[in-house]
Amino acid sequence: MKFILLVEDNDFSAKLIMSLLMYIPSYFVVHVRDSCGALEIFEEVLPDLLLLDYQLPIMNGIELYDLLFETKGFRRVPTIVLSALVMQPDIRWAIETRHIQMLPKPVERNAFLYLIEQLIANEENVQL
C-alpha cells in the first residue's frame, strides 16, 4: 500500500482529488488542510508521494516543500504541486528549479493518475 499525503485547504478540491485516488486500492490517502498538519505527519511517517496545493494558508506549497526538504529522508519523496496559477512565471520557475512536478487545477483525471503512477513506479525503482 502506498501512502499519499494530500495538503489542500479547499474541501471541494480535496474531495475531488481523493475521489480520483479512491479508484486505486493500493493507495492510502491522508488529507491535511495546512502546513502544520503536513509537518505533524512528517514527524510520524514519510509518505510515498506528496500532493501540495500551491495556495495554502500560513505558507504556500513551495515554502512548505522547502521546509520539508530539510527533513531527514524527504529528498526521496516525489512531489506534485497543484495550482490554478500554473502559468505564472515565478511559480513555474520555483517548481522547475526544485525538480518537482506541477499540474494545473482543476486536474485532468487521466494525466493526474498517470503522473502519480509514474512517480511511484520511479520511486520503487530507485529503492531497489
Protein backbone atom coordinates (compact mmCIF):
# COMPACT_ATOMS: atom_id res chain seq x y z
CA MET A 1 0.00 0.00 0.00
CA LYS A 2 1.36 3.42 -0.99
CA PHE A 3 0.86 6.35 1.37
CA ILE A 4 -0.07 9.64 -0.30
CA LEU A 5 -0.21 12.86 1.68
CA LEU A 6 -2.55 15.48 0.23
CA VAL A 7 -2.10 19.03 1.54
CA GLU A 8 -5.12 21.01 0.33
CA ASP A 9 -7.06 23.72 2.15
CA ASN A 10 -10.06 23.73 -0.20
CA ASP A 11 -12.50 20.99 0.83
CA PHE A 12 -14.07 20.75 -2.64
CA SER A 13 -10.67 20.30 -4.32
CA ALA A 14 -9.60 17.77 -1.69
CA LYS A 15 -12.77 15.70 -2.20
CA LEU A 16 -12.28 15.77 -5.95
CA ILE A 17 -8.66 14.62 -5.70
CA MET A 18 -9.47 11.94 -3.16
CA SER A 19 -12.34 10.67 -5.31
CA LEU A 20 -9.90 10.21 -8.20
CA LEU A 21 -7.45 8.32 -5.99
CA MET A 22 -10.02 6.05 -4.36
CA TYR A 23 -10.25 4.01 -7.56
CA ILE A 24 -6.74 2.73 -6.97
CA PRO A 25 -7.00 0.41 -3.96
CA SER A 26 -3.24 0.31 -3.43
CA TYR A 27 -3.23 3.98 -2.35
CA PHE A 28 -3.87 5.15 1.18
CA VAL A 29 -4.53 8.90 1.14
CA VAL A 30 -4.37 11.22 4.13
CA HIS A 31 -5.67 14.74 3.71
CA VAL A 32 -4.50 17.69 5.80
CA ARG A 33 -5.58 21.29 5.32
CA ASP A 34 -2.36 23.19 6.00
CA SER A 35 1.38 23.13 6.51
CA CYS A 36 1.06 22.45 10.25
CA GLY A 37 -0.84 19.24 9.51
CA ALA A 38 1.77 18.21 6.96
CA LEU A 39 4.60 18.81 9.40
CA GLU A 40 2.85 16.65 12.02
CA ILE A 41 2.50 13.79 9.53
CA PHE A 42 6.18 14.05 8.57
CA GLU A 43 7.15 13.66 12.22
CA GLU A 44 5.45 10.25 12.23
CA VAL A 45 5.87 8.78 8.76
CA LEU A 46 7.40 9.58 5.38
CA PRO A 47 4.82 9.43 2.56
CA ASP A 48 5.45 7.73 -0.77
CA LEU A 49 4.04 10.75 -2.60
CA LEU A 50 3.27 14.33 -1.64
CA LEU A 51 0.46 16.31 -3.31
CA LEU A 52 0.67 20.01 -2.46
CA ASP A 53 -1.74 22.79 -3.23
CA TYR A 54 0.22 25.91 -4.08
CA GLN A 55 -2.10 28.37 -2.32
CA LEU A 56 -2.12 27.27 1.32
CA PRO A 57 -2.69 29.27 4.49
CA ILE A 58 0.39 30.19 6.57
CA MET A 59 2.88 29.31 3.80
CA ASN A 60 2.46 28.37 0.16
CA GLY A 61 3.15 24.88 -1.19
CA ILE A 62 6.68 25.76 -2.35
CA GLU A 63 7.59 27.18 1.05
CA LEU A 64 6.21 24.03 2.68
CA TYR A 65 8.20 21.88 0.24
CA ASP A 66 11.38 23.78 1.12
CA LEU A 67 10.74 23.32 4.84
CA LEU A 68 10.03 19.60 4.42
CA PHE A 69 13.10 19.26 2.19
CA GLU A 70 15.18 19.91 5.28
CA THR A 71 13.54 16.91 6.97
CA LYS A 72 15.67 13.77 7.05
CA GLY A 73 14.84 11.50 4.14
CA PHE A 74 12.47 13.90 2.40
CA ARG A 75 14.58 14.15 -0.73
CA ARG A 76 13.25 10.73 -1.77
CA VAL A 77 9.59 11.79 -1.72
CA PRO A 78 8.16 12.55 -5.17
CA THR A 79 6.07 15.71 -5.14
CA ILE A 80 3.33 17.21 -7.29
CA VAL A 81 2.24 20.82 -6.84
CA LEU A 82 -1.33 21.56 -7.90
CA SER A 83 -2.24 25.12 -8.80
CA ALA A 84 -4.63 27.20 -10.82
CA LEU A 85 -1.73 29.66 -11.13
CA VAL A 86 0.45 27.27 -13.12
CA MET A 87 1.17 29.78 -15.88
CA GLN A 88 2.68 32.45 -13.63
CA PRO A 89 6.41 32.61 -14.44
CA ASP A 90 7.60 32.94 -10.84
CA ILE A 91 5.66 29.84 -9.78
CA ARG A 92 6.85 27.82 -12.79
CA TRP A 93 10.45 28.84 -12.05
CA ALA A 94 10.14 27.88 -8.37
CA ILE A 95 8.80 24.45 -9.27
CA GLU A 96 11.25 23.76 -12.10
CA THR A 97 14.30 24.67 -10.00
CA ARG A 98 13.23 22.12 -7.38
CA HIS A 99 12.70 19.33 -9.94
CA ILE A 100 9.17 18.62 -8.77
CA GLN A 101 6.08 18.13 -10.88
CA MET A 102 3.25 20.58 -11.41
CA LEU A 103 -0.31 20.09 -12.61
CA PRO A 104 -2.95 22.73 -13.26
CA LYS A 105 -6.19 22.86 -11.33
CA PRO A 106 -8.68 21.54 -11.97
CA VAL A 107 -6.74 18.34 -12.57
CA GLU A 108 -7.38 16.27 -15.65
CA ARG A 109 -8.13 12.75 -14.40
CA ASN A 110 -6.00 10.67 -16.78
CA ALA A 111 -2.95 12.95 -16.70
CA PHE A 112 -3.16 13.14 -12.90
CA LEU A 113 -3.37 9.38 -12.36
CA TYR A 114 -0.70 8.68 -14.99
CA LEU A 115 1.76 11.10 -13.37
CA ILE A 116 1.15 9.58 -9.93
CA GLU A 117 1.72 6.07 -11.27
CA GLN A 118 4.94 7.17 -12.97
CA LEU A 119 6.31 8.91 -9.89
CA ILE A 120 5.54 6.00 -7.60
CA ALA A 121 6.95 3.49 -10.10
CA ASN A 122 10.15 5.54 -10.42
CA GLU A 123 10.45 5.73 -6.64
CA GLU A 124 10.13 1.93 -6.40
CA ASN A 125 12.89 1.51 -8.96
CA VAL A 126 15.17 3.88 -7.05
CA GLN A 127 14.69 1.96 -3.80
CA LEU A 128 15.57 -1.44 -5.29
